[in-house]
Structures are given as C-alpha cells and as structure tokens.
Protein backbone atom coordinates (compact mmCIF):
# COMPACT_ATOMS: atom_id res chain seq x y z
CA MET A 1 34.39 -57.21 42.07
CA PRO A 2 32.37 -54.54 40.99
CA LYS A 3 29.04 -55.68 39.20
CA PRO A 4 27.92 -54.40 36.16
CA ALA A 5 26.99 -51.07 35.51
CA ASP A 6 23.21 -51.74 35.02
CA SER A 7 23.36 -53.70 37.96
CA LEU A 8 24.75 -50.46 39.80
CA ASN A 9 22.04 -48.30 37.94
CA LEU A 10 24.94 -45.61 36.85
CA PHE A 11 23.82 -45.75 33.62
CA PRO A 12 19.77 -47.02 33.69
CA THR A 13 18.83 -47.73 30.01
CA GLY A 14 15.07 -47.73 28.43
CA PRO A 15 13.66 -45.17 26.68
CA GLY A 16 13.04 -42.68 30.13
CA LEU A 17 16.63 -42.61 30.96
CA GLN A 18 14.79 -42.28 34.67
CA ALA A 19 17.29 -41.26 37.16
CA ASP A 20 16.22 -42.02 40.99
CA ALA A 21 13.70 -39.09 42.43
CA ASP A 22 16.49 -38.98 45.28
CA ALA A 23 19.51 -38.33 42.83
CA PRO A 24 20.80 -34.65 42.54
CA LEU A 25 19.16 -32.37 40.13
CA ALA A 26 22.18 -32.82 37.49
CA ALA A 27 21.51 -36.55 37.30
CA ARG A 28 17.56 -36.18 37.15
CA MET A 29 18.13 -33.48 34.04
CA ARG A 30 20.12 -35.23 31.79
CA PRO A 31 18.78 -34.92 28.63
CA ARG A 32 17.78 -38.87 27.31
CA THR A 33 17.07 -38.00 23.70
CA LEU A 34 19.75 -36.62 20.70
CA ASP A 35 16.52 -33.72 20.46
CA GLU A 36 17.04 -33.05 24.14
CA PHE A 37 20.63 -33.08 24.38
CA VAL A 38 22.73 -29.51 24.63
CA GLY A 39 25.37 -28.29 23.01
CA GLN A 40 28.10 -30.15 20.84
CA GLU A 41 26.23 -29.23 17.45
CA HIS A 42 29.78 -29.69 15.56
CA LEU A 43 29.37 -33.70 16.66
CA VAL A 44 25.72 -34.42 17.20
CA GLY A 45 24.14 -31.49 15.60
CA PRO A 46 21.30 -32.69 12.47
CA GLY A 47 23.43 -34.62 9.99
CA LYS A 48 26.53 -34.69 11.66
CA PRO A 49 28.30 -38.27 11.39
CA LEU A 50 28.32 -38.82 14.96
CA ARG A 51 24.59 -38.36 15.32
CA ARG A 52 23.89 -40.00 12.47
CA ALA A 53 26.14 -43.37 13.58
CA ILE A 54 24.21 -43.49 16.97
CA GLU A 55 20.60 -43.13 15.44
CA GLU A 56 21.82 -45.73 12.75
CA ASP A 57 23.31 -47.68 15.87
CA ASN A 58 26.09 -48.25 13.66
CA LEU A 59 29.05 -46.42 15.85
CA GLY A 60 32.59 -47.71 16.54
CA SER A 61 35.14 -46.79 19.14
CA VAL A 62 35.32 -43.49 19.70
CA ILE A 63 37.12 -41.66 22.18
CA PHE A 64 34.92 -38.11 23.65
CA TYR A 65 37.72 -35.58 24.94
CA GLY A 66 36.36 -32.63 26.67
CA PRO A 67 36.22 -30.59 30.14
CA ALA A 68 33.66 -31.65 32.64
CA GLY A 69 30.06 -30.90 32.77
CA CYS A 70 30.10 -31.03 28.69
CA GLY A 71 28.18 -33.95 28.06
CA LYS A 72 30.20 -36.96 27.28
CA SER A 73 28.94 -39.24 30.08
CA THR A 74 25.23 -37.82 29.08
CA LEU A 75 25.97 -38.87 25.47
CA ALA A 76 27.12 -42.55 26.57
CA MET A 77 23.78 -42.63 28.25
CA ILE A 78 21.61 -41.91 25.23
CA ILE A 79 24.23 -44.15 23.15
CA ALA A 80 23.11 -47.03 25.89
CA ALA A 81 19.56 -46.08 25.27
CA ARG A 82 19.50 -46.29 21.65
CA THR A 83 21.78 -49.18 20.76
CA LYS A 84 20.66 -52.61 20.50
CA ALA A 85 24.62 -53.90 21.52
CA GLN A 86 24.87 -54.90 25.30
CA PHE A 87 25.43 -51.61 26.76
CA GLU A 88 28.77 -51.99 29.86
CA ALA A 89 30.17 -49.01 31.46
CA PHE A 90 32.42 -48.86 34.50
CA SER A 91 35.07 -46.09 35.78
CA ALA A 92 38.59 -46.12 35.51
CA VAL A 93 38.07 -44.55 38.66
CA THR A 94 36.83 -47.70 40.44
CA SER A 95 38.21 -50.38 37.90
CA GLY A 96 40.54 -52.43 37.00
CA ILE A 97 42.33 -55.04 34.41
CA ALA A 98 40.11 -57.79 36.33
CA ASP A 99 37.13 -55.66 35.40
CA VAL A 100 38.24 -55.42 32.10
CA ARG A 101 38.80 -58.97 31.54
CA ARG A 102 35.71 -60.05 32.69
CA VAL A 103 33.50 -57.74 30.30
CA VAL A 104 35.72 -58.89 27.74
CA ALA A 105 35.14 -62.54 28.13
CA GLU A 106 31.78 -62.00 28.08
CA ALA A 107 31.58 -60.01 25.20
CA THR A 108 33.40 -62.82 23.29
CA SER A 109 30.87 -65.48 24.51
CA ARG A 110 27.98 -63.04 23.41
CA ARG A 111 29.46 -62.49 19.71
CA GLN A 112 30.19 -66.19 19.74
CA THR A 113 26.64 -67.57 20.84
CA THR A 114 24.16 -64.57 19.50
CA GLY A 115 26.29 -62.64 17.59
CA ARG A 116 25.01 -59.17 19.39
CA ARG A 117 27.78 -56.49 19.81
CA THR A 118 29.03 -55.53 23.11
CA ILE A 119 29.58 -51.42 23.77
CA LEU A 120 31.75 -50.68 26.71
CA PHE A 121 31.84 -47.51 28.03
CA VAL A 122 35.11 -45.98 30.26
CA ASP A 123 34.67 -43.26 32.17
CA GLU A 124 38.12 -41.03 33.23
CA ILE A 125 39.77 -43.51 30.68
CA HIS A 126 43.07 -41.88 31.27
CA ARG A 127 43.05 -42.96 34.68
CA PHE A 128 44.18 -46.75 33.01
CA ASN A 129 47.72 -46.86 33.35
CA LYS A 130 49.20 -47.74 29.74
CA ALA A 131 49.29 -51.74 30.36
CA GLN A 132 45.69 -51.76 30.77
CA GLN A 133 44.98 -49.45 28.24
CA ASP A 134 46.76 -52.07 26.13
CA ALA A 135 44.60 -55.15 27.28
CA PHE A 136 41.60 -53.50 25.16
CA LEU A 137 43.43 -53.15 21.98
CA PRO A 138 43.21 -56.63 20.32
CA HIS A 139 39.46 -56.66 21.28
CA VAL A 140 38.90 -53.22 19.98
CA GLU A 141 40.84 -53.68 16.74
CA ASN A 142 38.72 -57.56 16.26
CA GLY A 143 35.65 -55.72 17.01
CA THR A 144 34.92 -57.75 20.25
CA ILE A 145 34.25 -55.29 21.87
CA ILE A 146 33.38 -51.41 20.37
CA LEU A 147 34.93 -48.94 23.01
CA VAL A 148 33.92 -45.49 24.28
CA GLY A 149 36.17 -43.66 26.40
CA ALA A 150 35.30 -40.54 28.18
CA THR A 151 38.38 -38.21 29.05
CA THR A 152 39.37 -34.91 30.59
CA GLU A 153 42.68 -35.05 29.60
CA ASN A 154 44.45 -34.37 26.56
CA PRO A 155 44.06 -38.26 25.03
CA PHE A 156 47.56 -37.57 22.82
CA PHE A 157 49.25 -37.33 26.62
CA GLU A 158 47.11 -39.67 28.27
CA ILE A 159 46.17 -42.23 26.24
CA ASN A 160 48.13 -45.41 24.12
CA SER A 161 48.36 -44.13 20.66
CA PRO A 162 47.64 -47.29 19.11
CA LEU A 163 44.23 -47.23 20.86
CA ILE A 164 43.84 -43.52 19.73
CA SER A 165 44.56 -44.87 16.17
CA ARG A 166 41.84 -47.34 16.53
CA SER A 167 39.50 -45.35 17.45
CA ARG A 168 37.82 -41.56 16.28
CA LEU A 169 38.65 -38.99 18.35
CA TYR A 170 35.71 -35.94 19.39
CA THR A 171 36.67 -33.09 20.82
CA PHE A 172 33.96 -31.84 23.41
CA GLU A 173 33.63 -27.86 23.72
CA PRO A 174 32.96 -26.22 27.18
CA LEU A 175 28.80 -25.32 26.92
CA GLY A 176 28.32 -21.58 26.32
CA PRO A 177 26.25 -19.59 28.46
CA GLU A 178 23.24 -19.89 26.04
CA HIS A 179 23.23 -23.83 26.62
CA LEU A 180 23.28 -23.84 30.21
CA ARG A 181 20.73 -21.07 30.53
CA THR A 182 19.06 -23.65 28.37
CA LEU A 183 19.30 -26.23 30.76
CA VAL A 184 18.72 -24.19 34.10
CA THR A 185 15.40 -22.60 32.21
CA ARG A 186 14.47 -26.37 32.00
CA ALA A 187 15.56 -27.76 35.21
CA LEU A 188 13.09 -24.48 36.47
CA VAL A 189 10.17 -25.43 34.84
CA ASP A 190 10.43 -28.87 34.31
CA GLU A 191 7.92 -30.55 37.06
CA GLU A 192 8.43 -34.21 36.72
CA ARG A 193 12.32 -34.11 37.11
CA GLY A 194 13.16 -30.31 37.93
CA LEU A 195 12.35 -28.06 40.56
CA GLY A 196 8.63 -27.02 38.72
CA LYS A 197 6.57 -28.41 41.47
CA GLN A 198 8.84 -25.99 44.36
CA GLY A 199 7.54 -22.75 42.46
CA VAL A 200 11.31 -21.64 42.27
CA THR A 201 12.11 -18.77 39.94
CA LEU A 202 16.01 -17.40 39.59
CA ALA A 203 16.10 -13.56 39.75
CA PRO A 204 17.66 -12.52 35.94
CA GLU A 205 20.84 -11.03 37.62
CA ALA A 206 21.04 -14.39 39.32
CA LEU A 207 20.48 -15.83 36.05
CA GLU A 208 23.52 -14.47 34.49
CA HIS A 209 25.94 -14.88 37.41
CA LEU A 210 25.12 -19.03 37.50
CA VAL A 211 25.89 -19.11 33.66
CA GLN A 212 28.97 -16.74 33.57
CA THR A 213 30.80 -18.26 36.78
CA ALA A 214 29.72 -22.07 35.94
CA GLU A 215 32.47 -22.29 33.14
CA GLY A 216 30.62 -24.34 30.44
CA ASP A 217 29.92 -26.89 33.47
CA ALA A 218 26.40 -28.35 33.02
CA ARG A 219 26.57 -30.34 36.69
CA ALA A 220 28.03 -27.61 38.49
CA ALA A 221 25.32 -24.98 37.11
CA LEU A 222 23.06 -27.88 38.18
CA ASN A 223 24.00 -28.57 41.49
CA ALA A 224 24.53 -24.77 42.30
CA LEU A 225 20.66 -24.23 41.47
CA GLU A 226 19.76 -26.71 43.29
CA THR A 227 21.53 -25.19 46.50
CA ALA A 228 20.38 -22.18 45.88
CA ALA A 229 16.93 -23.21 45.56
CA THR A 230 16.93 -24.78 49.10
CA LEU A 231 18.61 -21.52 50.46
CA ALA A 232 15.83 -19.44 49.00
CA PRO A 233 13.22 -17.95 51.76
CA GLU A 234 9.74 -19.84 50.97
CA ALA A 235 6.96 -17.07 50.94
CA GLU A 236 3.50 -18.58 49.74
CA GLY A 237 4.94 -21.65 48.13
CA LYS A 238 7.24 -19.46 46.17
CA ARG A 239 10.84 -19.34 46.07
CA LEU A 240 13.12 -16.57 44.54
CA VAL A 241 16.54 -17.35 44.21
CA THR A 242 18.03 -13.65 44.38
CA LEU A 243 21.68 -13.00 43.02
CA ALA A 244 22.52 -12.66 46.98
CA VAL A 245 21.50 -16.36 47.56
CA LEU A 246 23.47 -17.79 44.83
CA GLU A 247 26.13 -15.82 45.58
CA GLU A 248 25.90 -17.76 49.41
CA ALA A 249 25.53 -21.17 47.26
CA MET A 250 28.17 -20.73 45.02
CA GLN A 251 30.70 -19.09 47.39
CA ARG A 252 31.55 -16.96 44.78
CA ARG A 253 31.16 -13.11 44.67
CA ALA A 254 29.41 -11.58 41.39
CA VAL A 255 32.29 -9.65 39.56
CA ARG A 256 31.10 -6.72 37.68
CA TYR A 257 31.81 -7.85 34.59
CA ASP A 258 29.96 -8.08 31.19
CA LYS A 259 32.06 -10.65 28.79
CA GLY A 260 29.63 -8.95 25.65
CA GLY A 261 29.59 -5.59 26.66
CA ASP A 262 31.81 -2.67 27.90
CA GLU A 263 33.54 -4.04 31.07
CA HIS A 264 35.00 -6.93 28.74
CA TYR A 265 36.68 -4.36 26.82
CA ASN A 266 37.64 -2.04 29.58
CA VAL A 267 38.92 -4.80 31.51
CA ILE A 268 41.06 -6.68 28.98
CA SER A 269 42.38 -2.90 27.92
CA ALA A 270 44.01 -2.15 31.51
CA PHE A 271 45.29 -5.60 31.74
CA ILE A 272 47.06 -5.09 28.29
CA LYS A 273 48.42 -1.34 29.24
CA SER A 274 49.12 -2.43 32.87
CA MET A 275 51.61 -4.88 31.00
CA ARG A 276 52.61 -2.52 28.43
CA GLY A 277 53.42 -0.26 31.56
CA SER A 278 55.34 -2.54 33.51
CA ASP A 279 52.97 -2.68 36.52
CA PRO A 280 53.12 -6.68 37.50
CA ASP A 281 50.44 -5.94 40.10
CA ALA A 282 48.19 -3.87 38.26
CA ALA A 283 48.42 -6.52 35.34
CA LEU A 284 47.47 -9.58 37.87
CA HIS A 285 44.71 -7.61 39.44
CA TYR A 286 42.78 -7.82 36.03
CA LEU A 287 43.52 -11.45 35.20
CA ALA A 288 42.29 -12.06 38.24
CA ARG A 289 38.92 -9.99 37.62
CA MET A 290 38.69 -12.07 34.32
CA ILE A 291 39.17 -15.59 35.38
CA LYS A 292 37.12 -15.09 38.21
CA ALA A 293 34.41 -13.41 35.71
CA GLY A 294 34.56 -16.57 33.84
CA GLU A 295 36.63 -15.20 30.79
CA ASP A 296 37.49 -17.72 27.96
CA PRO A 297 40.80 -18.55 29.29
CA ARG A 298 41.68 -19.17 26.09
CA PHE A 299 41.22 -15.39 24.87
CA ILE A 300 43.25 -14.47 27.92
CA ALA A 301 46.23 -17.05 26.26
CA ARG A 302 45.88 -15.21 22.88
CA ARG A 303 46.33 -11.70 24.14
CA LEU A 304 49.51 -12.36 26.44
CA VAL A 305 50.88 -14.02 23.06
CA VAL A 306 50.17 -11.09 21.07
CA HIS A 307 51.37 -8.45 24.03
CA ALA A 308 54.42 -10.62 24.05
CA ALA A 309 54.88 -10.12 20.42
CA GLU A 310 53.76 -6.50 19.93
CA ASP A 311 55.22 -4.75 23.39
CA VAL A 312 57.46 -6.68 24.40
CA GLY A 313 59.49 -8.36 20.72
CA LEU A 314 62.81 -8.49 20.10
CA ALA A 315 63.77 -6.39 23.38
CA ASP A 316 63.32 -10.26 25.21
CA PRO A 317 62.42 -12.74 22.50
CA MET A 318 61.46 -15.08 25.25
CA ALA A 319 58.58 -13.53 26.01
CA LEU A 320 56.92 -14.98 23.35
CA VAL A 321 58.14 -18.11 23.82
CA VAL A 322 56.57 -18.06 27.51
CA ALA A 323 53.24 -16.97 26.40
CA THR A 324 53.10 -19.71 23.67
CA ALA A 325 53.92 -21.88 26.09
CA ALA A 326 51.33 -20.62 28.80
CA ALA A 327 48.83 -20.65 25.78
CA HIS A 328 49.54 -24.24 25.42
CA ALA A 329 48.76 -24.92 29.37
CA VAL A 330 45.69 -23.57 29.01
CA GLU A 331 44.11 -26.17 26.18
CA TYR A 332 46.71 -28.98 27.97
CA VAL A 333 45.46 -28.39 31.77
CA GLY A 334 42.48 -26.23 31.93
CA LEU A 335 41.08 -23.93 35.01
CA PRO A 336 41.42 -23.90 37.40
CA GLU A 337 45.34 -24.94 37.49
CA ALA A 338 45.87 -22.84 33.83
CA ARG A 339 45.35 -19.40 36.20
CA ILE A 340 49.40 -20.48 37.38
CA PRO A 341 50.62 -20.31 33.56
CA LEU A 342 48.95 -17.61 32.72
CA ALA A 343 50.00 -15.66 35.86
CA GLU A 344 53.48 -16.57 35.10
CA ALA A 345 53.07 -15.37 31.49
CA THR A 346 51.39 -12.31 32.42
CA LEU A 347 54.35 -11.22 35.19
CA TYR A 348 57.14 -12.41 32.80
CA ILE A 349 55.77 -9.54 30.07
CA ALA A 350 54.68 -7.25 32.51
CA THR A 351 58.54 -6.73 33.82
CA ALA A 352 60.27 -7.91 30.47
CA PRO A 353 61.85 -4.26 28.51
CA LYS A 354 59.73 -3.39 25.75
CA SER A 355 60.40 -2.31 22.21
CA ASN A 356 57.49 -2.49 19.63
CA THR A 357 60.22 -2.30 16.69
CA SER A 358 58.20 -6.27 15.32
CA LYS A 359 54.76 -4.02 14.92
CA VAL A 360 56.30 -0.68 13.48
CA GLY A 361 58.45 -2.52 10.96
CA ILE A 362 55.54 -5.12 9.64
CA ASP A 363 53.32 -1.84 9.40
CA LEU A 364 55.66 -0.08 7.40
CA ALA A 365 56.17 -2.58 5.29
CA LEU A 366 52.75 -3.18 4.69
CA GLU A 367 52.08 0.45 4.21
CA ASP A 368 54.66 0.71 1.63
CA LEU A 369 52.98 -2.36 -0.62
CA GLU A 370 49.37 -0.48 -0.51
CA ARG A 371 51.36 2.08 -1.91
CA VAL A 372 53.63 0.62 -4.72
CA GLY A 373 52.04 -2.89 -4.92
CA THR A 374 53.83 -6.28 -5.17
CA PRO A 375 57.27 -5.80 -7.38
CA PRO A 376 58.46 -8.73 -8.97
CA VAL A 377 61.20 -11.29 -6.85
CA PRO A 378 64.88 -10.01 -8.26
CA THR A 379 65.62 -12.81 -10.44
CA HIS A 380 68.96 -13.81 -8.57
CA LEU A 381 66.81 -14.57 -5.51
CA ARG A 382 64.04 -16.86 -7.24
CA ASP A 383 63.45 -20.56 -6.88
CA ALA A 384 66.27 -22.59 -9.10
CA SER A 385 65.67 -25.76 -7.53
CA TYR A 386 63.67 -27.35 -10.01
CA PRO A 387 64.52 -28.44 -13.45
CA GLY A 388 64.41 -25.35 -15.95
CA ALA A 389 64.72 -22.98 -13.49
CA ALA A 390 68.05 -21.99 -14.91
CA ARG A 391 66.89 -21.66 -18.48
CA LEU A 392 64.86 -18.58 -16.68
CA GLY A 393 67.95 -17.19 -15.21
CA HIS A 394 66.33 -18.10 -11.76
CA GLY A 395 69.42 -17.78 -8.92
CA ALA A 396 72.20 -16.72 -11.50
CA GLY A 397 74.26 -14.44 -9.51
CA TYR A 398 73.24 -14.92 -6.43
CA GLU A 399 76.15 -14.99 -3.70
CA TYR A 400 75.52 -17.56 -1.11
CA PRO A 401 76.72 -15.75 2.23
CA HIS A 402 78.02 -18.87 4.29
CA SER A 403 80.96 -18.41 1.09
CA TYR A 404 82.44 -15.07 2.76
CA PRO A 405 84.10 -14.13 5.70
CA GLY A 406 81.61 -13.66 8.65
CA HIS A 407 78.92 -15.47 6.68
CA TRP A 408 78.00 -12.06 5.11
CA VAL A 409 77.90 -10.29 1.37
CA ASP A 410 76.79 -7.25 -0.16
CA GLN A 411 74.14 -7.92 -2.34
CA VAL A 412 70.42 -6.50 -3.35
CA TYR A 413 67.49 -8.29 -1.72
CA LEU A 414 64.59 -5.43 -1.66
CA PRO A 415 62.83 -5.55 -5.50
CA GLN A 416 62.97 -2.34 -7.53
CA GLY A 417 60.50 -0.28 -6.73
CA ILE A 418 60.23 -0.80 -2.96
CA PRO A 419 61.37 2.39 -1.26
CA SER A 420 64.74 2.96 0.46
CA ARG A 421 64.10 3.05 4.18
CA PRO A 422 64.69 1.17 7.13
CA TYR A 423 61.50 -0.84 8.65
CA TYR A 424 63.49 -2.39 11.71
CA GLU A 425 65.37 0.41 13.76
CA PRO A 426 66.06 -1.36 16.68
CA SER A 427 66.06 0.13 20.21
CA ASP A 428 68.15 0.67 23.05
CA SER A 429 66.06 -1.85 25.07
CA GLY A 430 66.94 -4.79 26.22
CA PHE A 431 68.42 -7.71 23.61
CA GLU A 432 67.58 -5.35 21.07
CA ARG A 433 70.85 -3.51 21.96
CA THR A 434 72.68 -6.51 20.84
CA LEU A 435 71.03 -6.46 17.74
CA ALA A 436 71.38 -2.80 17.04
CA ALA A 437 75.37 -3.31 17.58
CA ARG A 438 75.28 -6.39 14.58
CA ARG A 439 72.67 -3.91 12.48
CA LYS A 440 75.84 -1.18 13.14
CA GLN A 441 78.33 -3.65 11.99
CA ILE A 442 76.62 -4.75 8.82
CA GLN A 443 76.08 -1.12 7.66
CA ALA A 444 79.45 -0.47 8.21
CA ARG A 445 80.48 -3.33 6.31
CA LYS A 446 78.11 -2.73 3.56
CA ALA A 447 79.36 0.54 3.08
CA ALA A 448 82.78 -0.28 2.59
CA ALA A 449 82.09 -2.78 0.66
CA ARG A 450 80.81 -0.39 -1.86
CA ALA A 451 83.34 1.73 -1.36
CA ASN A 452 85.67 -1.05 -2.45
CA PRO A 453 83.80 -3.81 -4.07
CA PRO A 454 85.85 -7.29 -2.96
CA SER A 455 86.69 -9.92 -5.12
CA ARG A 456 84.07 -12.64 -5.49
CA PRO A 457 85.11 -16.20 -4.43
CA GLY A 458 84.14 -19.34 -6.33
CA ASN A 459 81.04 -19.73 -3.94
CA LYS A 460 79.18 -22.30 -3.50
CA ARG A 461 75.40 -21.43 -4.73
CA HIS A 462 71.99 -22.59 -2.49
CA ALA A 463 68.76 -21.45 -3.77
C-alpha cells in the first residue's frame, strides 16, 4: 500500500515547499506562494473567489481542469502549505480503492476525535474508474473529506456527474508566452533553486523559440531549459544557450513564424487560400507550419469553421459539420492528437465543391438594411401565440404551408420597403445544384399561382 504523500515527499509542506536540490529544475522552481504563482489570473488573481477561499482556508471540494504544465498541481501544493487541515495526496495512476478507503477512514477518525478537516488531492483523477470515483461521493457530501481533483481530460466525459455536482469546477488555461517568459527568466536568475549560480544566459531568439514551442506547458519549458543549459559550452564560467543549442535540446527546429507579426497573417492567409483553391497538399503544409510553430489550435479551428461556411457553404453542407466537429475535438483532446481532426477538416474543406452564396446572400441583406432600415414585420407573420395578439391582428391571414399540396403556398414574407431582389442565387456546384432545382420549381409555382390564384382551403394556422 502506498504511503501517505507527505512521507514520499511528493507534496512537501511548510513555508519553503522546498524540493530536493537534485530534483528537476521544474520541480525546484515551483511557485511556493500565491504571489509567486504565474498565470490563471481569472482564478487566483487578487480578489478572485478561489484565491480568497485559499487565503481564508475555507476551500470546498474542487476539480481543477486544464492542460499539462499550467499549474494545477502547483496550486494544490500552495493549498497544502496554507491550510490548517490535514493534507493528503496521491495519484490516480498509482493508487487504488484501498488507498481511498484508508484516507477516508483516517479522515473520519480525525474529524471525530479532533474536529480537524482533511483535504485530499487526487492527481489525474480521471484515471479512476467510475466505481472508484463513486467511493468519494458520500464522504465529499458529508464533509469528511474536501476533494481537490486535477485532470487534463474533460471532466464532463471522464468524471462522474454526481461528483462534479458536489464540487466547484475551475478551468485552467494554457500559460501564455508572457507567463513562460516570467518563469524562465526567474529560473535563470534564481541562485537558490534555479540556474543563477551557473551563469546561464539565454539568447533572445532562443527565449522566443522556447516560449512559443512549449505550448503553454511550464514544465516542458523548464525541462528544455535545464537540458539546454547542460549542452551549452562553458566559457569563463558562463554558458550561453543559443537557438541552435535550444533546438538540439528540444529536438525541435525553429519555424519562421511570428504569432504577432506578418508571418502569422501570411501563413493563415495562405492556408485559407489553399483550401479555397482546392489544393489539399498546400493546405496541409500551412497547417503543419502553424502547428509546429505553436499556433493556438483553437485559432486554427475557428478559421476552419468560418472557411467551411464562407467558401464551401451549401455546395457541401457537411463541411461545416466536419469543421465544427474538429473544433470540438480540439477542446476535447488537445494537441498533439488534435492535429489529426484538424487535418481531416482541412482535407475535407480543401477537396469539397465550393460556393460562397451564403456569404454573398447575408452581405446583400445587411447592405439593404443599411440603406432602407428595418421596416415592420408584416402583420400576418407576427407572433400570435400570446393572449391579446389576435386583438392586434397578429397572424391574421397567415397561410400555413403544410396545409397545401407540396407544403408550399404563395404568400408575402418580406416587409414592404425591402428591395425585390434575390439575396440567394444557388450556384451550380455540388449540393447547390439540387437547391437550384428546388428554387426554380418554387419560382415556377409562384408565377403560376399569381397568374391563376388558387382557392384557399380551410387551413390550420400556426404562428
């Protein structure tokens, strides 16, 4: 049976939260206080509820959800140092139901004899199966334990709903480049825990490559820095980590790509134009450049969704479905696996028939609104579902299309004053050929109906 976490020194407590001197740099440089903590300002910034709960030692059960290296375990360590409660910790990778029962039994006894609370931190809680997670439920509910769970997986898929409902869910974001710069710079100058006594400096271009390719993961950034520092040649007690040395340490070559500059816009423009031009190989090339350079995959996913609607549109309505599914997959699995659904959506869009009629149509409609304003909705189309609507004449004269052959009847839908011009003109591409045939059929029926108005059946009006 695994020992309690403190005895294994996994979660050292006390003012220093000091890791062993031979621990990896990322472990040694863990922030020890809330003031040292970097990132997640929306959760632990001054005055935020989670920060207040930690400072006041009044934390309830919580689930920390976010990618690796963003501070979930570090925040748990800070809680361990601040709380007066007994703090227990273990990982769901190496622990089982017997460990849960042991901690619960000890927490129950402690509460009955001393009144002291127990905070239980479970790292990678999603690794517990549903039955193991259920073992926490009654003890979380009655307050025997305060659960702090950390997970990189979407909790709504991987954690029991009853357990989520008894906990506050906090979503952690990947650290931004500015956060990683702070942590890396801190490690370079810290003489107690960092590399300050080794005379290590980082060339500016190496620093930028490091913070861009670490993909928001502080642990990955600091591990790469530590490796690069050992590879850098020493001269007069100094070690300069150049871009070449860092590339060797990370086994990742720097890609020419400035997320805030021209290359960012040039590459995304080329990506979109390659898909619009139906060149799947070029589209994959630019997708690969963005992924390798550390572009936010959510940004790529958003552009895929927009492009699917703008340039494929109704020529293949499934393109938007595929793009939206890829965007969901990015949130669900994250990189590196998300590169595959992003590639799938890219290839689907690049090889799909193209039509921009949806964009043209909505832009024409918006243009007319700018010119003529917003005339009143025709009375027969107004909502007649509430008491008194009929007294206002709402819905009077509305013809219910399903009461007519072909589920269509000729009636006016546009307000008076809106120009009589088509906003939607189907193209001859893909599925729009079918839509164009339907539109022609309706236009022919409309012309016939206006030349020889039919008798109106006793229809069922639906507002």
